[in-house]
Amino acid sequence: MSVEDLAGQPVAPGAADLPASVVGGARPRIRALVATARSIYQEWDGFKAVPDQVIGDGDQAAALGWYTGTYRATGAGLRARFVHWFTVRAGLITRFEQVVDSALVERCVSDTPADAGPPR
């Protein structure tokens, strides 16, 4: 499965970790995702998630890549490795897991404006 294929997949209701009874169905989850995306683009300059590799097997796909950007409040640059793991069933993303070096992200958003991340 290509990155383009993954990007076009809708999210299945109930796919989030929280039960639907807690969040009241898919719409609040979608609103939360939109709010998170807005927050990222308001707080970061040039934020990108760029996959280096996408591996698929059956209904599973994983993207390995880098988050990059500059946190506006501190001026700190970020380069952090990520893995996105997807389960796709019947044309819907039914599960999504994100792994990132959150210590690098925390370093960017802390009061210490120093570039965070491994060398390029």
PDB file of N, CA and C in Angstrom:
ATOM      1  N   MET A   1       0.848  -1.173   0.000  1.00  0.00           N
ATOM      2  CA  MET A   1       0.000   0.000   0.000  1.00  0.00           C
ATOM      3  C   MET A   1       0.891   1.234   0.000  1.00  0.00           C
ATOM      4  N   SER A   2       0.594   2.195  -0.856  1.00  0.00           N
ATOM      5  CA  SER A   2       1.410   3.400  -0.965  1.00  0.00           C
ATOM      6  C   SER A   2       0.968   4.460   0.044  1.00  0.00           C
ATOM      7  N   VAL A   3       1.810   5.470   0.200  1.00  0.00           N
ATOM      8  CA  VAL A   3       1.450   6.599   1.061  1.00  0.00           C
ATOM      9  C   VAL A   3       0.168   7.239   0.554  1.00  0.00           C
ATOM     10  N   GLU A   4       0.045   7.377  -0.766  1.00  0.00           N
ATOM     11  CA  GLU A   4      -1.149   7.983  -1.346  1.00  0.00           C
ATOM     12  C   GLU A   4      -2.393   7.164  -1.017  1.00  0.00           C
ATOM     13  N   ASP A   5      -2.278   5.834  -1.056  1.00  0.00           N
ATOM     14  CA  ASP A   5      -3.406   4.975  -0.694  1.00  0.00           C
ATOM     15  C   ASP A   5      -3.818   5.193   0.752  1.00  0.00           C
ATOM     16  N   LEU A   6      -2.820   5.259   1.662  1.00  0.00           N
ATOM     17  CA  LEU A   6      -3.128   5.459   3.079  1.00  0.00           C
ATOM     18  C   LEU A   6      -3.787   6.809   3.314  1.00  0.00           C
ATOM     19  N   ALA A   7      -3.267   7.837   2.669  1.00  0.00           N
ATOM     20  CA  ALA A   7      -3.786   9.186   2.890  1.00  0.00           C
ATOM     21  C   ALA A   7      -5.249   9.292   2.501  1.00  0.00           C
ATOM     22  N   GLY A   8      -5.694   8.499   1.551  1.00  0.00           N
ATOM     23  CA  GLY A   8      -7.071   8.587   1.093  1.00  0.00           C
ATOM     24  C   GLY A   8      -8.048   7.717   1.844  1.00  0.00           C
ATOM     25  N   GLN A   9      -7.561   6.964   2.843  1.00  0.00           N
ATOM     26  CA  GLN A   9      -8.444   6.051   3.550  1.00  0.00           C
ATOM     27  C   GLN A   9      -9.271   6.789   4.606  1.00  0.00           C
ATOM     28  N   PRO A  10     -10.589   6.551   4.629  1.00  0.00           N
ATOM     29  CA  PRO A  10     -11.398   7.132   5.703  1.00  0.00           C
ATOM     30  C   PRO A  10     -11.168   6.377   7.008  1.00  0.00           C
ATOM     31  N   VAL A  11     -11.491   7.015   8.103  1.00  0.00           N
ATOM     32  CA  VAL A  11     -11.346   6.404   9.420  1.00  0.00           C
ATOM     33  C   VAL A  11     -12.668   5.760   9.803  1.00  0.00           C
ATOM     34  N   ALA A  12     -12.616   4.513  10.222  1.00  0.00           N
ATOM     35  CA  ALA A  12     -13.826   3.794  10.602  1.00  0.00           C
ATOM     36  C   ALA A  12     -14.335   4.284  11.944  1.00  0.00           C
ATOM     37  N   PRO A  13     -15.666   4.414  12.104  1.00  0.00           N
ATOM     38  CA  PRO A  13     -16.217   4.754  13.420  1.00  0.00           C
ATOM     39  C   PRO A  13     -15.773   3.702  14.436  1.00  0.00           C
ATOM     40  N   GLY A  14     -15.392   4.150  15.619  1.00  0.00           N
ATOM     41  CA  GLY A  14     -14.953   3.230  16.659  1.00  0.00           C
ATOM     42  C   GLY A  14     -13.484   2.873  16.585  1.00  0.00           C
ATOM     43  N   ALA A  15     -12.740   3.472  15.649  1.00  0.00           N
ATOM     44  CA  ALA A  15     -11.337   3.106  15.479  1.00  0.00           C
ATOM     45  C   ALA A  15     -10.430   3.739  16.533  1.00  0.00           C
ATOM     46  N   ALA A  16     -10.874   4.803  17.149  1.00  0.00           N
ATOM     47  CA  ALA A  16     -10.041   5.457  18.164  1.00  0.00           C
ATOM     48  C   ALA A  16      -9.952   4.580  19.405  1.00  0.00           C
ATOM     49  N   ASP A  17      -8.960   4.838  20.226  1.00  0.00           N
ATOM     50  CA  ASP A  17      -8.778   4.046  21.439  1.00  0.00           C
ATOM     51  C   ASP A  17      -9.903   4.244  22.445  1.00  0.00           C
ATOM     52  N   LEU A  18     -10.522   5.432  22.453  1.00  0.00           N
ATOM     53  CA  LEU A  18     -11.611   5.678  23.389  1.00  0.00           C
ATOM     54  C   LEU A  18     -12.894   5.031  22.876  1.00  0.00           C
ATOM     55  N   PRO A  19     -13.671   4.413  23.758  1.00  0.00           N
ATOM     56  CA  PRO A  19     -14.930   3.813  23.303  1.00  0.00           C
ATOM     57  C   PRO A  19     -15.892   4.881  22.807  1.00  0.00           C
ATOM     58  N   ALA A  20     -16.725   4.508  21.841  1.00  0.00           N
ATOM     59  CA  ALA A  20     -17.685   5.452  21.264  1.00  0.00           C
ATOM     60  C   ALA A  20     -18.588   6.048  22.334  1.00  0.00           C
ATOM     61  N   SER A  21     -18.902   5.286  23.386  1.00  0.00           N
ATOM     62  CA  SER A  21     -19.772   5.803  24.443  1.00  0.00           C
ATOM     63  C   SER A  21     -19.138   6.984  25.169  1.00  0.00           C
ATOM     64  N   VAL A  22     -17.798   7.034  25.190  1.00  0.00           N
ATOM     65  CA  VAL A  22     -17.102   8.139  25.865  1.00  0.00           C
ATOM     66  C   VAL A  22     -17.102   9.385  24.987  1.00  0.00           C
ATOM     67  N   VAL A  23     -16.856   9.217  23.714  1.00  0.00           N
ATOM     68  CA  VAL A  23     -16.735  10.377  22.838  1.00  0.00           C
ATOM     69  C   VAL A  23     -17.979  10.629  21.998  1.00  0.00           C
ATOM     70  N   GLY A  24     -18.982   9.778  22.091  1.00  0.00           N
ATOM     71  CA  GLY A  24     -20.247  10.025  21.409  1.00  0.00           C
ATOM     72  C   GLY A  24     -20.191   9.795  19.908  1.00  0.00           C
ATOM     73  N   GLY A  25     -19.420   8.832  19.440  1.00  0.00           N
ATOM     74  CA  GLY A  25     -19.399   8.526  18.014  1.00  0.00           C
ATOM     75  C   GLY A  25     -18.199   9.132  17.317  1.00  0.00           C
ATOM     76  N   ALA A  26     -18.201   9.036  15.998  1.00  0.00           N
ATOM     77  CA  ALA A  26     -17.045   9.433  15.198  1.00  0.00           C
ATOM     78  C   ALA A  26     -16.898  10.944  15.053  1.00  0.00           C
ATOM     79  N   ARG A  27     -17.995  11.695  15.013  1.00  0.00           N
ATOM     80  CA  ARG A  27     -17.885  13.143  14.760  1.00  0.00           C
ATOM     81  C   ARG A  27     -17.011  13.875  15.784  1.00  0.00           C
ATOM     82  N   PRO A  28     -17.190  13.639  17.085  1.00  0.00           N
ATOM     83  CA  PRO A  28     -16.290  14.330  18.024  1.00  0.00           C
ATOM     84  C   PRO A  28     -14.823  13.961  17.813  1.00  0.00           C
ATOM     85  N   ARG A  29     -14.547  12.708  17.431  1.00  0.00           N
ATOM     86  CA  ARG A  29     -13.174  12.304  17.173  1.00  0.00           C
ATOM     87  C   ARG A  29     -12.617  13.059  15.986  1.00  0.00           C
ATOM     88  N   ILE A  30     -13.430  13.210  14.947  1.00  0.00           N
ATOM     89  CA  ILE A  30     -12.986  13.945  13.764  1.00  0.00           C
ATOM     90  C   ILE A  30     -12.722  15.398  14.129  1.00  0.00           C
ATOM     91  N   ARG A  31     -13.620  15.991  14.926  1.00  0.00           N
ATOM     92  CA  ARG A  31     -13.409  17.372  15.372  1.00  0.00           C
ATOM     93  C   ARG A  31     -12.121  17.496  16.183  1.00  0.00           C
ATOM     94  N   ALA A  32     -11.842  16.509  17.025  1.00  0.00           N
ATOM     95  CA  ALA A  32     -10.610  16.534  17.822  1.00  0.00           C
ATOM     96  C   ALA A  32      -9.385  16.441  16.925  1.00  0.00           C
ATOM     97  N   LEU A  33      -9.442  15.607  15.902  1.00  0.00           N
ATOM     98  CA  LEU A  33      -8.325  15.494  14.953  1.00  0.00           C
ATOM     99  C   LEU A  33      -8.095  16.809  14.222  1.00  0.00           C
ATOM    100  N   VAL A  34      -9.178  17.452  13.799  1.00  0.00           N
ATOM    101  CA  VAL A  34      -9.067  18.743  13.102  1.00  0.00           C
ATOM    102  C   VAL A  34      -8.471  19.784  14.042  1.00  0.00           C
ATOM    103  N   ALA A  35      -8.929  19.806  15.305  1.00  0.00           N
ATOM    104  CA  ALA A  35      -8.394  20.765  16.281  1.00  0.00           C
ATOM    105  C   ALA A  35      -6.910  20.519  16.523  1.00  0.00           C
ATOM    106  N   THR A  36      -6.506  19.249  16.592  1.00  0.00           N
ATOM    107  CA  THR A  36      -5.096  18.919  16.783  1.00  0.00           C
ATOM    108  C   THR A  36      -4.271  19.394  15.595  1.00  0.00           C
ATOM    109  N   ALA A  37      -4.760  19.142  14.388  1.00  0.00           N
ATOM    110  CA  ALA A  37      -4.046  19.585  13.187  1.00  0.00           C
ATOM    111  C   ALA A  37      -3.928  21.099  13.159  1.00  0.00           C
ATOM    112  N   ARG A  38      -5.006  21.799  13.489  1.00  0.00           N
ATOM    113  CA  ARG A  38      -4.949  23.272  13.530  1.00  0.00           C
ATOM    114  C   ARG A  38      -3.908  23.741  14.535  1.00  0.00           C
ATOM    115  N   SER A  39      -3.887  23.099  15.708  1.00  0.00           N
ATOM    116  CA  SER A  39      -2.933  23.466  16.749  1.00  0.00           C
ATOM    117  C   SER A  39      -1.497  23.286  16.262  1.00  0.00           C
ATOM    118  N   ILE A  40      -1.236  22.164  15.588  1.00  0.00           N
ATOM    119  CA  ILE A  40       0.110  21.913  15.066  1.00  0.00           C
ATOM    120  C   ILE A  40       0.515  23.027  14.115  1.00  0.00           C
ATOM    121  N   TYR A  41      -0.364  23.367  13.193  1.00  0.00           N
ATOM    122  CA  TYR A  41       0.012  24.367  12.183  1.00  0.00           C
ATOM    123  C   TYR A  41      -0.002  25.794  12.728  1.00  0.00           C
ATOM    124  N   GLN A  42      -0.666  26.030  13.865  1.00  0.00           N
ATOM    125  CA  GLN A  42      -0.601  27.346  14.499  1.00  0.00           C
ATOM    126  C   GLN A  42       0.658  27.488  15.344  1.00  0.00           C
ATOM    127  N   GLU A  43       1.139  26.386  15.915  1.00  0.00           N
ATOM    128  CA  GLU A  43       2.266  26.436  16.832  1.00  0.00           C
ATOM    129  C   GLU A  43       3.618  26.150  16.171  1.00  0.00           C
ATOM    130  N   TRP A  44       3.602  25.548  14.997  1.00  0.00           N
ATOM    131  CA  TRP A  44       4.833  25.133  14.325  1.00  0.00           C
ATOM    132  C   TRP A  44       4.943  25.796  12.969  1.00  0.00           C
ATOM    133  N   ASP A  45       6.142  26.196  12.588  1.00  0.00           N
ATOM    134  CA  ASP A  45       6.432  26.664  11.229  1.00  0.00           C
ATOM    135  C   ASP A  45       7.003  25.493  10.441  1.00  0.00           C
ATOM    136  N   GLY A  46       6.485  25.292   9.262  1.00  0.00           N
ATOM    137  CA  GLY A  46       7.026  24.284   8.364  1.00  0.00           C
ATOM    138  C   GLY A  46       6.902  22.858   8.849  1.00  0.00           C
ATOM    139  N   PHE A  47       5.910  22.574   9.712  1.00  0.00           N
ATOM    140  CA  PHE A  47       5.776  21.210  10.226  1.00  0.00           C
ATOM    141  C   PHE A  47       5.438  20.251   9.093  1.00  0.00           C
ATOM    142  N   LYS A  48       6.187  19.139   9.047  1.00  0.00           N
ATOM    143  CA  LYS A  48       5.950  18.108   8.033  1.00  0.00           C
ATOM    144  C   LYS A  48       6.134  16.738   8.652  1.00  0.00           C
ATOM    145  N   ALA A  49       5.378  15.778   8.156  1.00  0.00           N
ATOM    146  CA  ALA A  49       5.580  14.361   8.454  1.00  0.00           C
ATOM    147  C   ALA A  49       5.903  13.712   7.115  1.00  0.00           C
ATOM    148  N   VAL A  50       7.166  13.380   6.915  1.00  0.00           N
ATOM    149  CA  VAL A  50       7.620  12.875   5.622  1.00  0.00           C
ATOM    150  C   VAL A  50       8.045  11.415   5.766  1.00  0.00           C
ATOM    151  N   PRO A  51       7.299  10.492   5.144  1.00  0.00           N
ATOM    152  CA  PRO A  51       7.685   9.083   5.239  1.00  0.00           C
ATOM    153  C   PRO A  51       8.868   8.766   4.329  1.00  0.00           C
ATOM    154  N   ASP A  52       9.789   7.948   4.849  1.00  0.00           N
ATOM    155  CA  ASP A  52      10.905   7.428   4.059  1.00  0.00           C
ATOM    156  C   ASP A  52      10.511   6.119   3.391  1.00  0.00           C
ATOM    157  N   GLN A  53       9.672   5.361   4.104  1.00  0.00           N
ATOM    158  CA  GLN A  53       9.347   4.025   3.654  1.00  0.00           C
ATOM    159  C   GLN A  53       7.950   3.660   4.117  1.00  0.00           C
ATOM    160  N   VAL A  54       7.211   2.964   3.265  1.00  0.00           N
ATOM    161  CA  VAL A  54       5.906   2.420   3.626  1.00  0.00           C
ATOM    162  C   VAL A  54       5.952   0.930   3.328  1.00  0.00           C
ATOM    163  N   ILE A  55       5.588   0.145   4.329  1.00  0.00           N
ATOM    164  CA  ILE A  55       5.609  -1.312   4.207  1.00  0.00           C
ATOM    165  C   ILE A  55       4.190  -1.812   4.455  1.00  0.00           C
ATOM    166  N   GLY A  56       3.712  -2.682   3.584  1.00  0.00           N
ATOM    167  CA  GLY A  56       2.380  -3.228   3.756  1.00  0.00           C
ATOM    168  C   GLY A  56       2.374  -4.737   3.679  1.00  0.00           C
ATOM    169  N   ASP A  57       1.476  -5.341   4.448  1.00  0.00           N
ATOM    170  CA  ASP A  57       1.295  -6.785   4.418  1.00  0.00           C
ATOM    171  C   ASP A  57      -0.140  -7.075   4.806  1.00  0.00           C
ATOM    172  N   GLY A  58      -0.938  -7.515   3.847  1.00  0.00           N
ATOM    173  CA  GLY A  58      -2.344  -7.790   4.137  1.00  0.00           C
ATOM    174  C   GLY A  58      -3.063  -6.517   4.529  1.00  0.00           C
ATOM    175  N   ASP A  59      -3.699  -6.534   5.695  1.00  0.00           N
ATOM    176  CA  ASP A  59      -4.442  -5.353   6.153  1.00  0.00           C
ATOM    177  C   ASP A  59      -3.599  -4.433   7.032  1.00  0.00           C
ATOM    178  N   GLN A  60      -2.286  -4.684   7.106  1.00  0.00           N
ATOM    179  CA  GLN A  60      -1.388  -3.880   7.929  1.00  0.00           C
ATOM    180  C   GLN A  60      -0.467  -3.045   7.041  1.00  0.00           C
ATOM    181  N   ALA A  61      -0.203  -1.818   7.471  1.00  0.00           N
ATOM    182  CA  ALA A  61       0.751  -0.957   6.776  1.00  0.00           C
ATOM    183  C   ALA A  61       1.477  -0.114   7.816  1.00  0.00           C
ATOM    184  N   ALA A  62       2.752   0.129   7.567  1.00  0.00           N
ATOM    185  CA  ALA A  62       3.556   0.958   8.461  1.00  0.00           C
ATOM    186  C   ALA A  62       4.303   1.982   7.623  1.00  0.00           C
ATOM    187  N   ALA A  63       4.353   3.208   8.115  1.00  0.00           N
ATOM    188  CA  ALA A  63       5.124   4.279   7.485  1.00  0.00           C
ATOM    189  C   ALA A  63       6.216   4.689   8.469  1.00  0.00           C
ATOM    190  N   LEU A  64       7.453   4.741   7.992  1.00  0.00           N
ATOM    191  CA  LEU A  64       8.601   5.147   8.778  1.00  0.00           C
ATOM    192  C   LEU A  64       9.104   6.454   8.194  1.00  0.00           C
ATOM    193  N   GLY A  65       9.246   7.475   9.026  1.00  0.00           N
ATOM    194  CA  GLY A  65       9.672   8.757   8.483  1.00  0.00           C
ATOM    195  C   GLY A  65      10.144   9.724   9.545  1.00  0.00           C
ATOM    196  N   TRP A  66      10.119  11.019   9.182  1.00  0.00           N
ATOM    197  CA  TRP A  66      10.617  12.087  10.045  1.00  0.00           C
ATOM    198  C   TRP A  66       9.583  13.200  10.182  1.00  0.00           C
ATOM    199  N   TYR A  67       9.400  13.676  11.422  1.00  0.00           N
ATOM    200  CA  TYR A  67       8.685  14.929  11.671  1.00  0.00           C
ATOM    201  C   TYR A  67       9.738  16.019  11.664  1.00  0.00           C
ATOM    202  N   THR A  68       9.470  17.115  10.968  1.00  0.00           N
ATOM    203  CA  THR A  68      10.373  18.260  10.984  1.00  0.00           C
ATOM    204  C   THR A  68       9.553  19.538  11.127  1.00  0.00           C
ATOM    205  N   GLY A  69      10.169  20.570  11.635  1.00  0.00           N
ATOM    206  CA  GLY A  69       9.514  21.866  11.770  1.00  0.00           C
ATOM    207  C   GLY A  69      10.227  22.693  12.829  1.00  0.00           C
ATOM    208  N   THR A  70       9.734  23.909  13.012  1.00  0.00           N
ATOM    209  CA  THR A  70      10.279  24.822  14.022  1.00  0.00           C
ATOM    210  C   THR A  70       9.153  25.258  14.942  1.00  0.00           C
ATOM    211  N   TYR A  71       9.351  25.060  16.239  1.00  0.00           N
ATOM    212  CA  TYR A  71       8.338  25.468  17.218  1.00  0.00           C
ATOM    213  C   TYR A  71       8.430  26.978  17.386  1.00  0.00           C
ATOM    214  N   ARG A  72       7.337  27.663  17.079  1.00  0.00           N
ATOM    215  CA  ARG A  72       7.353  29.142  17.048  1.00  0.00           C
ATOM    216  C   ARG A  72       7.736  29.779  18.375  1.00  0.00           C
ATOM    217  N   ALA A  73       7.204  29.272  19.476  1.00  0.00           N
ATOM    218  CA  ALA A  73       7.401  29.923  20.776  1.00  0.00           C
ATOM    219  C   ALA A  73       8.861  29.903  21.224  1.00  0.00           C
ATOM    220  N   THR A  74       9.615  28.882  20.834  1.00  0.00           N
ATOM    221  CA  THR A  74      11.001  28.773  21.291  1.00  0.00           C
ATOM    222  C   THR A  74      12.011  28.955  20.165  1.00  0.00           C
ATOM    223  N   GLY A  75      11.568  28.826  18.927  1.00  0.00           N
ATOM    224  CA  GLY A  75      12.475  28.893  17.800  1.00  0.00           C
ATOM    225  C   GLY A  75      13.283  27.620  17.606  1.00  0.00           C
ATOM    226  N   ALA A  76      12.936  26.569  18.343  1.00  0.00           N
ATOM    227  CA  ALA A  76      13.686  25.308  18.267  1.00  0.00           C
ATOM    228  C   ALA A  76      13.255  24.488  17.056  1.00  0.00           C
ATOM    229  N   GLY A  77      14.246  23.948  16.361  1.00  0.00           N
ATOM    230  CA  GLY A  77      13.982  23.089  15.220  1.00  0.00           C
ATOM    231  C   GLY A  77      13.824  21.643  15.658  1.00  0.00           C
ATOM    232  N   LEU A  78      12.969  20.925  14.953  1.00  0.00           N
ATOM    233  CA  LEU A  78      12.695  19.522  15.280  1.00  0.00           C
ATOM    234  C   LEU A  78      13.024  18.626  14.096  1.00  0.00           C
ATOM    235  N   ARG A  79      13.625  17.499  14.394  1.00  0.00           N
ATOM    236  CA  ARG A  79      13.781  16.391  13.453  1.00  0.00           C
ATOM    237  C   ARG A  79      13.652  15.136  14.306  1.00  0.00           C
ATOM    238  N   ALA A  80      12.463  14.522  14.288  1.00  0.00           N
ATOM    239  CA  ALA A  80      12.180  13.363  15.138  1.00  0.00           C
ATOM    240  C   ALA A  80      11.638  12.219  14.290  1.00  0.00           C
ATOM    241  N   ARG A  81      12.121  11.023  14.539  1.00  0.00           N
ATOM    242  CA  ARG A  81      11.695   9.827  13.821  1.00  0.00           C
ATOM    243  C   ARG A  81      10.277   9.455  14.246  1.00  0.00           C
ATOM    244  N   PHE A  82       9.475   8.991  13.289  1.00  0.00           N
ATOM    245  CA  PHE A  82       8.149   8.483  13.622  1.00  0.00           C
ATOM    246  C   PHE A  82       7.882   7.175  12.905  1.00  0.00           C
ATOM    247  N   VAL A  83       6.951   6.419  13.471  1.00  0.00           N
ATOM    248  CA  VAL A  83       6.365   5.254  12.824  1.00  0.00           C
ATOM    249  C   VAL A  83       4.859   5.400  12.962  1.00  0.00           C
ATOM    250  N   HIS A  84       4.163   5.278  11.854  1.00  0.00           N
ATOM    251  CA  HIS A  84       2.696   5.239  11.856  1.00  0.00           C
ATOM    252  C   HIS A  84       2.292   3.835  11.431  1.00  0.00           C
ATOM    253  N   TRP A  85       1.488   3.181  12.244  1.00  0.00           N
ATOM    254  CA  TRP A  85       1.040   1.812  11.967  1.00  0.00           C
ATOM    255  C   TRP A  85      -0.466   1.842  11.744  1.00  0.00           C
ATOM    256  N   PHE A  86      -0.896   1.304  10.618  1.00  0.00           N
ATOM    257  CA  PHE A  86      -2.304   1.317  10.243  1.00  0.00           C
ATOM    258  C   PHE A  86      -2.837  -0.098  10.086  1.00  0.00           C
ATOM    259  N   THR A  87      -4.098  -0.290  10.456  1.00  0.00           N
ATOM    260  CA  THR A  87      -4.849  -1.470  10.069  1.00  0.00           C
ATOM    261  C   THR A  87      -5.968  -0.975   9.171  1.00  0.00           C
ATOM    262  N   VAL A  88      -6.071  -1.553   7.982  1.00  0.00           N
ATOM    263  CA  VAL A  88      -7.085  -1.137   7.011  1.00  0.00           C
ATOM    264  C   VAL A  88      -7.957  -2.348   6.712  1.00  0.00           C
ATOM    265  N   ARG A  89      -9.261  -2.206   6.972  1.00  0.00           N
ATOM    266  CA  ARG A  89     -10.210  -3.290   6.697  1.00  0.00           C
ATOM    267  C   ARG A  89     -11.401  -2.721   5.946  1.00  0.00           C
ATOM    268  N   ALA A  90     -11.776  -3.396   4.892  1.00  0.00           N
ATOM    269  CA  ALA A  90     -12.925  -2.997   4.071  1.00  0.00           C
ATOM    270  C   ALA A  90     -12.796  -1.543   3.629  1.00  0.00           C
ATOM    271  N   GLY A  91     -11.573  -1.128   3.297  1.00  0.00           N
ATOM    272  CA  GLY A  91     -11.346   0.219   2.805  1.00  0.00           C
ATOM    273  C   GLY A  91     -11.369   1.304   3.863  1.00  0.00           C
ATOM    274  N   LEU A  92     -11.370   0.931   5.154  1.00  0.00           N
ATOM    275  CA  LEU A  92     -11.383   1.908   6.239  1.00  0.00           C
ATOM    276  C   LEU A  92     -10.192   1.699   7.157  1.00  0.00           C
ATOM    277  N   ILE A  93      -9.608   2.796   7.635  1.00  0.00           N
ATOM    278  CA  ILE A  93      -8.571   2.687   8.658  1.00  0.00           C
ATOM    279  C   ILE A  93      -9.292   2.368   9.956  1.00  0.00           C
ATOM    280  N   THR A  94      -9.062   1.168  10.489  1.00  0.00           N
ATOM    281  CA  THR A  94      -9.739   0.745  11.712  1.00  0.00           C
ATOM    282  C   THR A  94      -8.861   0.887  12.937  1.00  0.00           C
ATOM    283  N   ARG A  95      -7.556   1.085  12.718  1.00  0.00           N
ATOM    284  CA  ARG A  95      -6.633   1.266  13.838  1.00  0.00           C
ATOM    285  C   ARG A  95      -5.458   2.094  13.356  1.00  0.00           C
ATOM    286  N   PHE A  96      -4.998   3.003  14.221  1.00  0.00           N
ATOM    287  CA  PHE A  96      -3.832   3.825  13.920  1.00  0.00           C
ATOM    288  C   PHE A  96      -3.011   3.938  15.189  1.00  0.00           C
ATOM    289  N   GLU A  97      -1.716   3.703  15.069  1.00  0.00           N
ATOM    290  CA  GLU A  97      -0.809   3.862  16.195  1.00  0.00           C
ATOM    291  C   GLU A  97       0.366   4.713  15.744  1.00  0.00           C
ATOM    292  N   GLN A  98       0.766   5.632  16.611  1.00  0.00           N
ATOM    293  CA  GLN A  98       1.874   6.535  16.316  1.00  0.00           C
ATOM    294  C   GLN A  98       2.965   6.322  17.351  1.00  0.00           C
ATOM    295  N   VAL A  99       4.202   6.221  16.882  1.00  0.00           N
ATOM    296  CA  VAL A  99       5.354   6.135  17.763  1.00  0.00           C
ATOM    297  C   VAL A  99       6.293   7.262  17.342  1.00  0.00           C
ATOM    298  N   VAL A 100       6.723   8.073  18.318  1.00  0.00           N
ATOM    299  CA  VAL A 100       7.622   9.183  18.028  1.00  0.00           C
ATOM    300  C   VAL A 100       8.539   9.384  19.231  1.00  0.00           C
ATOM    301  N   ASP A 101       9.709   9.922  18.992  1.00  0.00           N
ATOM    302  CA  ASP A 101      10.613  10.254  20.079  1.00  0.00           C
ATOM    303  C   ASP A 101      10.095  11.532  20.738  1.00  0.00           C
ATOM    304  N   SER A 102       9.195  11.359  21.693  1.00  0.00           N
ATOM    305  CA  SER A 102       8.522  12.509  22.305  1.00  0.00           C
ATOM    306  C   SER A 102       9.476  13.380  23.130  1.00  0.00           C
ATOM    307  N   ALA A 103      10.618  12.836  23.557  1.00  0.00           N
ATOM    308  CA  ALA A 103      11.592  13.661  24.287  1.00  0.00           C
ATOM    309  C   ALA A 103      12.122  14.771  23.393  1.00  0.00           C
ATOM    310  N   LEU A 104      12.297  14.486  22.099  1.00  0.00           N
ATOM    311  CA  LEU A 104      12.759  15.525  21.171  1.00  0.00           C
ATOM    312  C   LEU A 104      11.691  16.604  20.987  1.00  0.00           C
ATOM    313  N   VAL A 105      10.435  16.180  20.909  1.00  0.00           N
ATOM    314  CA  VAL A 105       9.332  17.143  20.780  1.00  0.00           C
ATOM    315  C   VAL A 105       9.262  17.999  22.038  1.00  0.00           C
ATOM    316  N   GLU A 106       9.350  17.371  23.210  1.00  0.00           N
ATOM    317  CA  GLU A 106       9.302  18.102  24.479  1.00  0.00           C
ATOM    318  C   GLU A 106      10.441  19.105  24.568  1.00  0.00           C
ATOM    319  N   ARG A 107      11.605  18.739  24.096  1.00  0.00           N
ATOM    320  CA  ARG A 107      12.753  19.656  24.119  1.00  0.00           C
ATOM    321  C   ARG A 107      12.445  20.909  23.292  1.00  0.00           C
ATOM    322  N   CYS A 108      11.756  20.729  22.172  1.00  0.00           N
ATOM    323  CA  CYS A 108      11.397  21.871  21.318  1.00  0.00           C
ATOM    324  C   CYS A 108      10.408  22.810  21.992  1.00  0.00           C
ATOM    325  N   VAL A 109       9.430  22.234  22.671  1.00  0.00           N
ATOM    326  CA  VAL A 109       8.360  23.069  23.224  1.00  0.00           C
ATOM    327  C   VAL A 109       8.696  23.595  24.620  1.00  0.00           C
ATOM    328  N   SER A 110       9.811  23.148  25.201  1.00  0.00           N
ATOM    329  CA  SER A 110      10.217  23.653  26.514  1.00  0.00           C
ATOM    330  C   SER A 110      10.783  25.063  26.346  1.00  0.00           C
ATOM    331  N   ASP A 111      11.153  25.654  27.439  1.00  0.00           N
ATOM    332  CA  ASP A 111      11.681  27.023  27.402  1.00  0.00           C
ATOM    333  C   ASP A 111      13.120  27.090  26.911  1.00  0.00           C
ATOM    334  N   THR A 112      13.732  25.972  26.616  1.00  0.00           N
ATOM    335  CA  THR A 112      15.118  25.960  26.161  1.00  0.00           C
ATOM    336  C   THR A 112      15.145  25.921  24.634  1.00  0.00           C
ATOM    337  N   PRO A 113      15.399  27.067  23.981  1.00  0.00           N
ATOM    338  CA  PRO A 113      15.391  27.091  22.522  1.00  0.00           C
ATOM    339  C   PRO A 113      16.681  26.540  21.910  1.00  0.00           C
ATOM    340  N   ALA A 114      16.737  25.223  21.824  1.00  0.00           N
ATOM    341  CA  ALA A 114      17.884  24.573  21.171  1.00  0.00           C
ATOM    342  C   ALA A 114      17.330  23.576  20.156  1.00  0.00           C
ATOM    343  N   ASP A 115      18.010  23.432  19.041  1.00  0.00           N
ATOM    344  CA  ASP A 115      17.531  22.484  18.049  1.00  0.00           C
ATOM    345  C   ASP A 115      17.482  21.081  18.664  1.00  0.00           C
ATOM    346  N   ALA A 116      16.401  20.380  18.342  1.00  0.00           N
ATOM    347  CA  ALA A 116      16.208  19.037  18.856  1.00  0.00           C
ATOM    348  C   ALA A 116      16.176  18.046  17.706  1.00  0.00           C
ATOM    349  N   GLY A 117      16.882  16.997  17.880  1.00  0.00           N
ATOM    350  CA  GLY A 117      16.829  15.934  16.901  1.00  0.00           C
ATOM    351  C   GLY A 117      18.209  15.466  16.520  1.00  0.00           C
ATOM    352  N   PRO A 118      18.237  14.290  15.900  1.00  0.00           N
ATOM    353  CA  PRO A 118      19.523  13.754  15.473  1.00  0.00           C
ATOM    354  C   PRO A 118      20.084  14.528  14.307  1.00  0.00           C
ATOM    355  N   PRO A 119      21.380  14.419  14.065  1.00  0.00           N
ATOM    356  CA  PRO A 119      21.957  15.108  12.895  1.00  0.00           C
ATOM    357  C   PRO A 119      21.359  14.575  11.605  1.00  0.00           C
ATOM    358  N   ARG A 120      21.341  15.400  10.594  1.00  0.00           N
ATOM    359  CA  ARG A 120      20.760  14.993   9.309  1.00  0.00           C
ATOM    360  C   ARG A 120      21.739  14.219   8.489  1.00  0.00           C
TER     361      ARG A 120
END
